Amino acid sequence: MGADYPGGVIDLRLHRPQTRLMLVEQTLAALKPDEDILLVFRERPAYLPHHIHSQYPGRFEITPVDEGPEVWSLRVHPVSDRH
């Protein structure tokens, strides 16, 4: 699975709720255009896609991979700068 996500797989189920958003934001800031990441959740990530799109407009494509009921995940793909 890691080979499909050169930016890594972050299992957010293993982290405290207080640190998850900071971890995601640090990871997004470090991603290169060819580095997709997979974010794994225990429950449906209802807020995070909106947060990413509002904080980083146009910089990332987010695609659901697993949609529960036990595991939810999102693929985050950096969009290359076309300018």
C-alpha atoms as a PDB file:
ATOM      1  CA  MET A   1       0.000   0.000   0.000  1.00  0.00           C
ATOM      2  CA  GLY A   2       2.858   2.433   0.758  1.00  0.00           C
ATOM      3  CA  ALA A   3       4.138   2.265  -2.830  1.00  0.00           C
ATOM      4  CA  ASP A   4       0.823   3.735  -4.001  1.00  0.00           C
ATOM      5  CA  TYR A   5       1.357   6.683  -1.669  1.00  0.00           C
ATOM      6  CA  PRO A   6       4.931   7.989  -2.059  1.00  0.00           C
ATOM      7  CA  GLY A   7       4.204  10.724   0.497  1.00  0.00           C
ATOM      8  CA  GLY A   8       3.274   8.081   3.056  1.00  0.00           C
ATOM      9  CA  VAL A   9       0.321   6.676   4.916  1.00  0.00           C
ATOM     10  CA  ILE A  10      -0.789   8.461   8.068  1.00  0.00           C
ATOM     11  CA  ASP A  11      -2.999   6.380  10.305  1.00  0.00           C
ATOM     12  CA  LEU A  12      -4.730   9.094  12.293  1.00  0.00           C
ATOM     13  CA  ARG A  13      -6.408   6.451  14.456  1.00  0.00           C
ATOM     14  CA  LEU A  14      -3.050   6.110  16.224  1.00  0.00           C
ATOM     15  CA  HIS A  15      -2.844   9.790  17.198  1.00  0.00           C
ATOM     16  CA  ARG A  16      -4.619  11.823  19.836  1.00  0.00           C
ATOM     17  CA  PRO A  17      -7.419  14.057  18.537  1.00  0.00           C
ATOM     18  CA  GLN A  18      -5.523  17.134  19.787  1.00  0.00           C
ATOM     19  CA  THR A  19      -2.556  16.420  17.512  1.00  0.00           C
ATOM     20  CA  ARG A  20      -4.194  15.101  14.341  1.00  0.00           C
ATOM     21  CA  LEU A  21      -4.834  18.408  12.566  1.00  0.00           C
ATOM     22  CA  MET A  22      -1.325  19.674  13.280  1.00  0.00           C
ATOM     23  CA  LEU A  23       0.140  16.423  11.919  1.00  0.00           C
ATOM     24  CA  VAL A  24      -1.941  16.663   8.745  1.00  0.00           C
ATOM     25  CA  GLU A  25      -1.014  20.317   8.194  1.00  0.00           C
ATOM     26  CA  GLN A  26       2.707  19.641   8.703  1.00  0.00           C
ATOM     27  CA  THR A  27       2.506  16.772   6.225  1.00  0.00           C
ATOM     28  CA  LEU A  28       0.658  18.831   3.611  1.00  0.00           C
ATOM     29  CA  ALA A  29       3.213  21.624   3.896  1.00  0.00           C
ATOM     30  CA  ALA A  30       6.029  19.168   3.148  1.00  0.00           C
ATOM     31  CA  LEU A  31       4.423  17.346   0.198  1.00  0.00           C
ATOM     32  CA  LYS A  32       5.970  17.589  -3.241  1.00  0.00           C
ATOM     33  CA  PRO A  33       3.812  17.521  -6.401  1.00  0.00           C
ATOM     34  CA  ASP A  34       4.361  13.792  -7.013  1.00  0.00           C
ATOM     35  CA  GLU A  35       3.758  12.670  -3.422  1.00  0.00           C
ATOM     36  CA  ASP A  36       0.247  11.453  -2.715  1.00  0.00           C
ATOM     37  CA  ILE A  37      -0.592  10.579   0.868  1.00  0.00           C
ATOM     38  CA  LEU A  38      -3.246   8.380   2.398  1.00  0.00           C
ATOM     39  CA  LEU A  39      -4.976   9.584   5.551  1.00  0.00           C
ATOM     40  CA  VAL A  40      -6.698   6.812   7.536  1.00  0.00           C
ATOM     41  CA  PHE A  41      -9.539   7.463   9.992  1.00  0.00           C
ATOM     42  CA  ARG A  42     -11.723   5.570  12.441  1.00  0.00           C
ATOM     43  CA  GLU A  43     -14.819   7.492  11.391  1.00  0.00           C
ATOM     44  CA  ARG A  44     -15.989   9.525   8.424  1.00  0.00           C
ATOM     45  CA  PRO A  45     -13.730  12.592   8.017  1.00  0.00           C
ATOM     46  CA  ALA A  46     -16.537  15.096   7.513  1.00  0.00           C
ATOM     47  CA  TYR A  47     -14.616  18.250   8.438  1.00  0.00           C
ATOM     48  CA  LEU A  48     -11.097  17.652   7.142  1.00  0.00           C
ATOM     49  CA  PRO A  49     -11.689  17.888   3.354  1.00  0.00           C
ATOM     50  CA  HIS A  50     -13.416  21.253   3.821  1.00  0.00           C
ATOM     51  CA  HIS A  51     -10.597  22.432   6.089  1.00  0.00           C
ATOM     52  CA  ILE A  52      -7.919  21.453   3.565  1.00  0.00           C
ATOM     53  CA  HIS A  53      -9.766  23.145   0.691  1.00  0.00           C
ATOM     54  CA  SER A  54     -10.315  26.339   2.691  1.00  0.00           C
ATOM     55  CA  GLN A  55      -6.740  26.538   4.056  1.00  0.00           C
ATOM     56  CA  TYR A  56      -5.038  25.478   0.816  1.00  0.00           C
ATOM     57  CA  PRO A  57      -7.378  26.540  -2.013  1.00  0.00           C
ATOM     58  CA  GLY A  58      -6.633  24.723  -5.248  1.00  0.00           C
ATOM     59  CA  ARG A  59      -3.519  22.996  -3.905  1.00  0.00           C
ATOM     60  CA  PHE A  60      -4.854  19.493  -3.213  1.00  0.00           C
ATOM     61  CA  GLU A  61      -7.264  16.996  -4.728  1.00  0.00           C
ATOM     62  CA  ILE A  62      -8.956  14.794  -2.144  1.00  0.00           C
ATOM     63  CA  THR A  63     -10.419  11.432  -3.109  1.00  0.00           C
ATOM     64  CA  PRO A  64     -12.173   8.967  -0.802  1.00  0.00           C
ATOM     65  CA  VAL A  65     -10.533   5.514  -0.866  1.00  0.00           C
ATOM     66  CA  ASP A  66     -12.281   3.562   1.910  1.00  0.00           C
ATOM     67  CA  GLU A  67     -15.726   4.615   3.098  1.00  0.00           C
ATOM     68  CA  GLY A  68     -16.359   2.676   6.301  1.00  0.00           C
ATOM     69  CA  PRO A  69     -17.876   1.380   8.297  1.00  0.00           C
ATOM     70  CA  GLU A  70     -14.688   0.315  10.127  1.00  0.00           C
ATOM     71  CA  VAL A  71     -12.026   2.243   8.199  1.00  0.00           C
ATOM     72  CA  TRP A  72     -12.285   5.494   6.286  1.00  0.00           C
ATOM     73  CA  SER A  73      -9.462   6.930   4.205  1.00  0.00           C
ATOM     74  CA  LEU A  74      -8.689   9.806   1.890  1.00  0.00           C
ATOM     75  CA  ARG A  75      -6.070  10.098  -0.808  1.00  0.00           C
ATOM     76  CA  VAL A  76      -4.580  13.602  -0.891  1.00  0.00           C
ATOM     77  CA  HIS A  77      -2.867  14.545  -4.143  1.00  0.00           C
ATOM     78  CA  PRO A  78      -0.914  17.808  -4.480  1.00  0.00           C
ATOM     79  CA  VAL A  79      -1.933  19.725  -7.588  1.00  0.00           C
ATOM     80  CA  SER A  80       1.089  20.968  -9.500  1.00  0.00           C
ATOM     81  CA  ASP A  81       1.460  24.692 -10.022  1.00  0.00           C
ATOM     82  CA  ARG A  82       0.543  25.371 -13.624  1.00  0.00           C
ATOM     83  CA  HIS A  83       1.904  28.934 -13.766  1.00  0.00           C
END
